[in-house]
Every structure is written in structure tokens, then in C-alpha cells.
Amino acid sequence: MERGHITLVGDAHVHLYDEYPLAAALRNLYAHLTAWSQPRPAGAPPVVLVGFLAESADARRFPRLLAGAERLDDARLRLRPGPDAESLEVLEGVRSLGWLIAGRQVVSSERLEFLALASAAEMPDGRPAEETVAEIRRRGGVPVASWAAGKWLGARGRCLRRLLETLPPSALLIGDTSLRPRLCPQPALMRQAARRGFRTLAGSDPLPIAGDEQTLGCYAFSVDAIFDPAQPAASVRAALLNPNQRFQLLGRRNGLLTFLRRWLAHSAARCRGQRPAAGPGGSATAAPHP
């Protein structure tokens, strides 16, 4: 592929937890993204499929994958480090399935969750929300305020509301996830963000339980972009940061019963001590989430 116009189809909230068989996780991710990209009209630009990682400090797999420290349990798949330090190409034989782009998940001092997409930089937890967003941008990431059940209410909701009233829409993206049940009304803060011109991305946000890798890619987005395979991370970063681009949301969020089933399984795993406490958005952190 040469540098040119593409349609980027991406999952903006990917976790590759150790609980997942890696090959199955990747196949689920790209199978879903492929499904959402079809059908393609004649003459349409090519599609590039991207999984945007959002790894917390205690659940980082990308550095191991980049270093070749993990073997795929599928002889047909392989990972090839990209030309920059923030990308991995996933191949089946000689055919490219898509890209994995490094990213972090950061928890502010108010316990709001932010994503730093398209960045492999270290991102400290525990800073105030406004400083967290500024630090993500300073370190070359794309800042996203990620929805999680219950975390946009009360004091945290008021903090995010102030942020939306203070920042320009170009400074922050909003992250919707498959965990927000379909039949539930859109959160007031999402409506406020949309009225002010903040753009919304979509991602699967799988939970750290065996089997939840099946949800990867189930909720995604598309956007027109210029893609340069010599600079994959920079290309997708520019597409996300371009304030003139609009994202089309693809796929589906959970129904209420599916959300409850996933969350109960996750809660049971926590009770068994399989992983430190994680919030409803799927992030594992050392701090409890009330």
C-alpha cells in the first residue's frame, strides 16, 4: 500500500488482557471491523482496520508484543513491528489484517478515565483531569474522556462537566463503549458534549475475563483519512485530531442483559482474586472504584 486516501475503521478502546488467547482476540477484532466495513461501493478508497490499545499501567501487553516476547497460538498469524515505535501490523501469511496502535488508559485524581490513543509514552495516573488531558496532548497522544458505568455521576460528573465547559472541542474526544446498554438513555454529559461540538469515538472496551475477547471490535467507528504505511501511528493520530473530520459509529453496544452478564462475570472474577479491582469500563487499577 502506498500513501493515500483510505477509510479508517477502528475500535477506539482495545484491551488485550492476559486472560485472552492472543490469536483469538486478534481474529475477533479484525473480523468484526471487517464486517462493519462492508459492503464497499465501487471506487471507494481502501479500508485500513485499526485496533487502538488503551492499556493501564498494570496491564501492558504492547511492549511485550513489540519485543516479540509472546508467541501467537496460531501459526498462520504473525505480528510485524511497524516503522514507528507505536504500531504493530497483524498479518495472516503475507496478507495484512490490520494494525495495532499503542495507547494508554489514565485515571485522573478525580478517578475519571482518560485514554491516550496513538501514544506509547508513559502517562502518570493521579493528576487532575485538566492536567491529564494537557499531559496526554503534550506527549503526543489523542485524549479521550472514556465513558464508564457510574463514573460520570456525582462529583466526577461535575468535574467532567467543568472540563467540557472549559476546553475547546478540538482538545478532547468523547469515548463511547459497548458496555453502555442500548436501551439506556444517552448520558446528559454526552448530550452536552455533542451540543458543544465535541466528537465521539466508539470502542469495545472488553473486560479482563476469559471469553470477553469475543467482544473486541463489536463497537467501532470509521473516518476518512490519509494513511501512510511508513508512518501508521502518525497517520491515524492526524485523522483523530483533525477537527473537520466526523466519525461514523459502527456496530452495536450491549443489550441490558448482555451488559449484566458480562459485569456479573467480571465481578465474580474480582471476588476470586484473579485481578485487582477494575472499574466498569474494564480498567484494572490498584485503587478501588466505588
Protein backbone atom coordinates (compact mmCIF):
# COMPACT_ATOMS: atom_id res chain seq x y z
CA MET A 1 0.00 0.00 0.00
CA GLU A 2 1.18 3.50 -0.83
CA ARG A 3 0.33 6.73 0.95
CA GLY A 4 -3.18 7.83 0.04
CA HIS A 5 -6.83 8.26 0.94
CA ILE A 6 -8.39 5.46 2.96
CA THR A 7 -11.37 4.72 5.17
CA LEU A 8 -10.11 4.02 8.66
CA VAL A 9 -12.31 1.56 10.56
CA GLY A 10 -11.21 1.33 14.16
CA ASP A 11 -12.01 0.11 17.64
CA ALA A 12 -11.05 3.03 19.87
CA HIS A 13 -10.89 1.10 23.15
CA VAL A 14 -8.96 -2.17 22.87
CA HIS A 15 -7.57 -4.19 25.75
CA LEU A 16 -5.51 -7.34 25.18
CA TYR A 17 -5.60 -8.73 28.69
CA ASP A 18 -3.52 -11.76 29.64
CA GLU A 19 -6.82 -13.58 30.22
CA TYR A 20 -7.29 -13.67 26.43
CA PRO A 21 -5.79 -16.12 23.95
CA LEU A 22 -4.00 -13.59 21.79
CA ALA A 23 -4.72 -15.07 18.36
CA ALA A 24 -8.43 -15.45 19.11
CA ALA A 25 -8.58 -11.88 20.39
CA LEU A 26 -6.98 -10.52 17.23
CA ARG A 27 -9.18 -12.59 14.94
CA ASN A 28 -12.31 -11.36 16.73
CA LEU A 29 -11.13 -7.76 16.49
CA TYR A 30 -10.46 -7.78 12.76
CA ALA A 31 -13.43 -10.00 11.87
CA HIS A 32 -15.80 -7.51 13.49
CA LEU A 33 -14.08 -4.50 11.96
CA THR A 34 -14.18 -6.16 8.55
CA ALA A 35 -17.91 -6.82 8.92
CA TRP A 36 -18.62 -3.17 9.77
CA SER A 37 -16.64 -2.01 6.72
CA GLN A 38 -18.83 -3.94 4.26
CA PRO A 39 -20.21 -3.57 1.67
CA ARG A 40 -17.89 -1.20 -0.16
CA PRO A 41 -19.23 0.76 -3.14
CA ALA A 42 -17.32 0.65 -6.41
CA GLY A 43 -14.47 3.12 -6.47
CA ALA A 44 -14.42 3.57 -2.69
CA PRO A 45 -10.99 4.08 -1.10
CA PRO A 46 -9.34 1.08 0.55
CA VAL A 47 -10.10 0.24 4.17
CA VAL A 48 -7.48 0.11 6.91
CA LEU A 49 -8.51 -1.67 10.11
CA VAL A 50 -7.05 -0.39 13.37
CA GLY A 51 -7.23 -1.51 16.98
CA PHE A 52 -6.39 1.36 19.33
CA LEU A 53 -4.94 -0.02 22.54
CA ALA A 54 -5.84 1.61 25.86
CA GLU A 55 -3.53 -0.08 28.36
CA SER A 56 -3.41 0.77 32.04
CA ALA A 57 -0.12 0.86 33.93
CA ASP A 58 -0.60 -2.65 35.34
CA ALA A 59 -1.90 -4.34 32.18
CA ARG A 60 0.55 -3.52 29.41
CA ARG A 61 0.95 -6.09 26.65
CA PHE A 62 2.02 -3.91 23.73
CA PRO A 63 5.71 -3.64 24.81
CA ARG A 64 5.94 -7.43 25.03
CA LEU A 65 4.34 -7.85 21.62
CA LEU A 66 6.60 -5.23 20.08
CA ALA A 67 9.66 -7.01 21.50
CA GLY A 68 8.49 -10.38 20.16
CA ALA A 69 8.29 -11.77 23.68
CA GLU A 70 4.98 -13.58 23.07
CA ARG A 71 4.20 -16.40 20.69
CA LEU A 72 0.90 -16.45 18.87
CA ASP A 73 -1.07 -19.66 19.34
CA ASP A 74 -1.94 -19.66 15.63
CA ALA A 75 0.78 -20.49 13.13
CA ARG A 76 -0.99 -18.52 10.39
CA LEU A 77 -0.81 -15.22 12.27
CA ARG A 78 2.22 -13.08 12.95
CA LEU A 79 2.98 -9.64 14.30
CA ARG A 80 5.37 -7.35 12.50
CA PRO A 81 6.71 -4.22 14.23
CA GLY A 82 5.73 -1.12 12.31
CA PRO A 83 8.14 1.55 11.12
CA ASP A 84 7.47 3.60 14.25
CA ALA A 85 7.54 2.64 17.92
CA GLU A 86 3.75 2.80 18.32
CA SER A 87 2.49 0.31 15.75
CA LEU A 88 2.28 -3.40 15.05
CA GLU A 89 0.96 -4.88 11.83
CA VAL A 90 -1.08 -8.08 12.16
CA LEU A 91 -0.62 -10.44 9.23
CA GLU A 92 -2.13 -13.72 8.13
CA GLY A 93 0.55 -15.15 5.91
CA VAL A 94 1.50 -12.24 3.67
CA ARG A 95 -1.92 -10.56 3.93
CA SER A 96 -2.30 -7.63 6.30
CA LEU A 97 -5.31 -7.93 8.60
CA GLY A 98 -4.79 -4.54 10.18
CA TRP A 99 -2.83 -2.56 12.73
CA LEU A 100 -2.47 -2.33 16.48
CA ILE A 101 -1.63 1.17 17.67
CA ALA A 102 -0.21 1.76 21.14
CA GLY A 103 -2.17 3.75 23.69
CA ARG A 104 -2.66 4.19 27.40
CA GLN A 105 -5.53 4.44 29.85
CA VAL A 106 -5.02 7.02 32.59
CA VAL A 107 -7.01 7.68 35.76
CA SER A 108 -7.14 11.27 36.98
CA SER A 109 -7.11 12.31 40.63
CA GLU A 110 -10.91 12.59 40.41
CA ARG A 111 -10.98 8.96 39.16
CA LEU A 112 -12.16 9.87 35.71
CA GLU A 113 -10.81 7.61 32.96
CA PHE A 114 -8.98 9.12 30.01
CA LEU A 115 -7.43 7.39 27.02
CA ALA A 116 -4.18 8.49 25.43
CA LEU A 117 -4.57 7.00 21.95
CA ALA A 118 -1.73 6.58 19.45
CA SER A 119 1.00 7.08 22.05
CA ALA A 120 3.46 4.72 23.72
CA ALA A 121 4.62 7.39 26.18
CA GLU A 122 4.43 6.87 29.92
CA MET A 123 1.34 8.59 31.30
CA PRO A 124 1.14 9.18 35.06
CA ASP A 125 -2.09 8.47 36.91
CA GLY A 126 -3.39 10.67 39.68
CA ARG A 127 -3.22 14.15 38.16
CA PRO A 128 -6.22 16.49 37.97
CA ALA A 129 -8.38 15.94 34.92
CA GLU A 130 -7.40 19.14 33.11
CA GLU A 131 -3.70 18.44 33.68
CA THR A 132 -4.19 14.86 32.50
CA VAL A 133 -5.68 16.00 29.19
CA ALA A 134 -2.90 18.56 28.71
CA GLU A 135 -0.22 15.96 29.51
CA ILE A 136 -1.66 13.48 27.02
CA ARG A 137 -1.52 16.09 24.28
CA ARG A 138 1.97 17.21 25.32
CA ARG A 139 3.22 13.63 25.00
CA GLY A 140 1.73 13.19 21.55
CA GLY A 141 -1.42 11.25 22.41
CA VAL A 142 -5.04 11.77 21.46
CA PRO A 143 -7.00 12.50 24.68
CA VAL A 144 -10.37 10.78 25.07
CA ALA A 145 -12.76 11.05 28.03
CA SER A 146 -13.97 7.46 28.27
CA TRP A 147 -17.49 6.65 29.44
CA ALA A 148 -17.79 4.02 32.17
CA ALA A 149 -20.86 2.94 34.11
CA GLY A 150 -21.43 5.19 37.11
CA LYS A 151 -18.27 7.22 36.62
CA TRP A 152 -19.87 10.26 35.03
CA LEU A 153 -22.15 10.85 38.03
CA GLY A 154 -21.78 12.86 41.22
CA ALA A 155 -18.51 14.70 41.83
CA ARG A 156 -16.85 13.03 38.85
CA GLY A 157 -19.67 14.10 36.59
CA ARG A 158 -19.40 17.68 37.81
CA CYS A 159 -15.65 17.59 37.15
CA LEU A 160 -16.20 16.38 33.58
CA ARG A 161 -18.91 18.98 33.05
CA ARG A 162 -16.46 21.74 34.04
CA LEU A 163 -13.92 20.26 31.65
CA LEU A 164 -16.41 20.33 28.78
CA GLU A 165 -17.25 23.94 29.59
CA THR A 166 -13.58 24.95 29.76
CA LEU A 167 -11.85 23.10 26.91
CA PRO A 168 -12.38 23.79 23.22
CA PRO A 169 -13.97 20.86 21.34
CA SER A 170 -10.71 20.28 19.46
CA ALA A 171 -8.88 19.49 22.72
CA LEU A 172 -10.73 16.32 23.73
CA LEU A 173 -12.71 13.45 22.24
CA ILE A 174 -15.53 11.56 23.93
CA GLY A 175 -15.33 7.77 24.14
CA ASP A 176 -18.47 5.64 23.97
CA THR A 177 -18.18 1.89 24.64
CA SER A 178 -20.07 -1.33 24.05
CA LEU A 179 -20.75 -1.52 27.81
CA ARG A 180 -23.29 1.33 27.66
CA PRO A 181 -26.58 -0.58 27.28
CA ARG A 182 -28.52 0.16 24.11
CA LEU A 183 -31.85 0.83 25.83
CA CYS A 184 -30.41 3.27 28.36
CA PRO A 185 -30.78 6.96 27.51
CA GLN A 186 -27.71 8.81 26.32
CA PRO A 187 -25.89 10.31 29.31
CA ALA A 188 -26.51 14.02 29.85
CA LEU A 189 -22.79 14.74 29.58
CA MET A 190 -22.63 13.07 26.16
CA ARG A 191 -25.50 15.26 25.02
CA GLN A 192 -23.79 18.35 26.42
CA ALA A 193 -20.54 17.39 24.70
CA ALA A 194 -22.31 16.94 21.36
CA ARG A 195 -24.04 20.30 21.66
CA ARG A 196 -20.68 21.97 22.26
CA GLY A 197 -19.11 20.24 19.25
CA PHE A 198 -17.06 17.51 20.94
CA ARG A 199 -16.76 14.47 18.68
CA THR A 200 -17.42 10.90 19.83
CA LEU A 201 -15.42 7.75 19.14
CA ALA A 202 -16.62 4.19 19.76
CA GLY A 203 -14.81 1.17 21.13
CA SER A 204 -15.50 -2.25 22.58
CA ASP A 205 -13.76 -1.86 25.99
CA PRO A 206 -13.61 -5.60 26.81
CA LEU A 207 -13.40 -6.73 30.43
CA PRO A 208 -10.49 -8.70 31.95
CA ILE A 209 -12.31 -12.05 31.98
CA ALA A 210 -11.77 -15.11 29.82
CA GLY A 211 -14.12 -15.08 26.85
CA ASP A 212 -14.64 -11.33 26.72
CA GLU A 213 -12.16 -11.14 23.85
CA GLN A 214 -15.16 -12.09 21.71
CA THR A 215 -16.43 -8.52 22.09
CA LEU A 216 -13.36 -6.92 20.51
CA GLY A 217 -14.36 -4.83 17.52
CA CYS A 218 -18.10 -5.12 18.23
CA TYR A 219 -18.45 -1.33 18.53
CA ALA A 220 -16.30 0.85 16.31
CA PHE A 221 -16.07 3.94 14.14
CA SER A 222 -14.99 4.98 10.67
CA VAL A 223 -13.39 8.15 9.35
CA ASP A 224 -11.82 9.31 6.10
CA ALA A 225 -8.07 9.67 6.40
CA ILE A 226 -4.75 9.95 4.65
CA PHE A 227 -2.75 6.85 5.54
CA ASP A 228 0.99 6.46 5.12
CA PRO A 229 2.22 2.91 5.86
CA ALA A 230 5.63 4.43 6.58
CA GLN A 231 4.02 6.42 9.42
CA PRO A 232 0.99 4.44 10.60
CA ALA A 233 0.70 5.90 14.11
CA ALA A 234 1.18 9.48 12.90
CA SER A 235 -1.39 8.91 10.14
CA VAL A 236 -4.15 7.68 12.43
CA ARG A 237 -3.28 10.29 15.07
CA ALA A 238 -3.74 13.04 12.49
CA ALA A 239 -7.09 11.57 11.44
CA LEU A 240 -8.38 11.56 15.01
CA LEU A 241 -7.14 15.06 15.79
CA ASN A 242 -8.48 16.69 12.63
CA PRO A 243 -11.42 18.80 13.92
CA ASN A 244 -13.02 18.86 10.48
CA GLN A 245 -13.43 15.08 10.33
CA ARG A 246 -16.61 13.44 11.58
CA PHE A 247 -16.72 9.91 12.91
CA GLN A 248 -19.39 7.43 11.88
CA LEU A 249 -20.20 4.99 14.70
CA LEU A 250 -20.47 1.35 13.63
CA GLY A 251 -21.52 -1.93 15.18
CA ARG A 252 -23.53 -2.29 18.34
CA ARG A 253 -23.48 -1.74 22.06
CA ASN A 254 -24.64 -4.37 24.54
CA GLY A 255 -28.23 -5.05 25.38
CA LEU A 256 -29.02 -4.72 29.07
CA LEU A 257 -28.93 -8.48 29.71
CA THR A 258 -25.59 -8.85 27.94
CA PHE A 259 -24.13 -5.98 29.94
CA LEU A 260 -25.36 -7.53 33.21
CA ARG A 261 -23.99 -10.96 32.27
CA ARG A 262 -20.57 -9.52 31.43
CA TRP A 263 -20.44 -7.35 34.51
CA LEU A 264 -21.52 -10.15 36.87
CA ALA A 265 -18.84 -12.42 35.40
CA HIS A 266 -16.30 -9.65 35.89
CA SER A 267 -17.42 -9.08 39.49
CA ALA A 268 -17.18 -12.81 40.21
CA ALA A 269 -13.64 -12.88 38.82
CA ARG A 270 -12.70 -9.97 41.08
CA CYS A 271 -14.13 -11.78 44.10
CA ARG A 272 -11.97 -14.79 43.24
CA GLY A 273 -8.96 -12.51 43.30
CA GLN A 274 -7.99 -13.01 39.69
CA ARG A 275 -7.18 -9.35 39.12
CA PRO A 276 -7.01 -6.07 41.08
CA ALA A 277 -10.21 -4.07 41.29
CA ALA A 278 -11.34 -2.74 37.92
CA GLY A 279 -13.95 -0.18 37.07
CA PRO A 280 -16.99 -0.84 34.89
CA GLY A 281 -15.00 0.46 31.96
CA GLY A 282 -12.70 -2.54 32.26
CA SER A 283 -9.59 -0.78 33.55
CA ALA A 284 -7.58 -2.62 36.15
CA THR A 285 -6.04 -0.31 38.69
CA ALA A 286 -4.67 -0.62 42.17
CA ALA A 287 -7.18 1.86 43.53
CA PRO A 288 -10.73 0.78 44.39
CA HIS A 289 -13.57 2.23 42.33
CA PRO A 290 -16.63 2.99 44.41
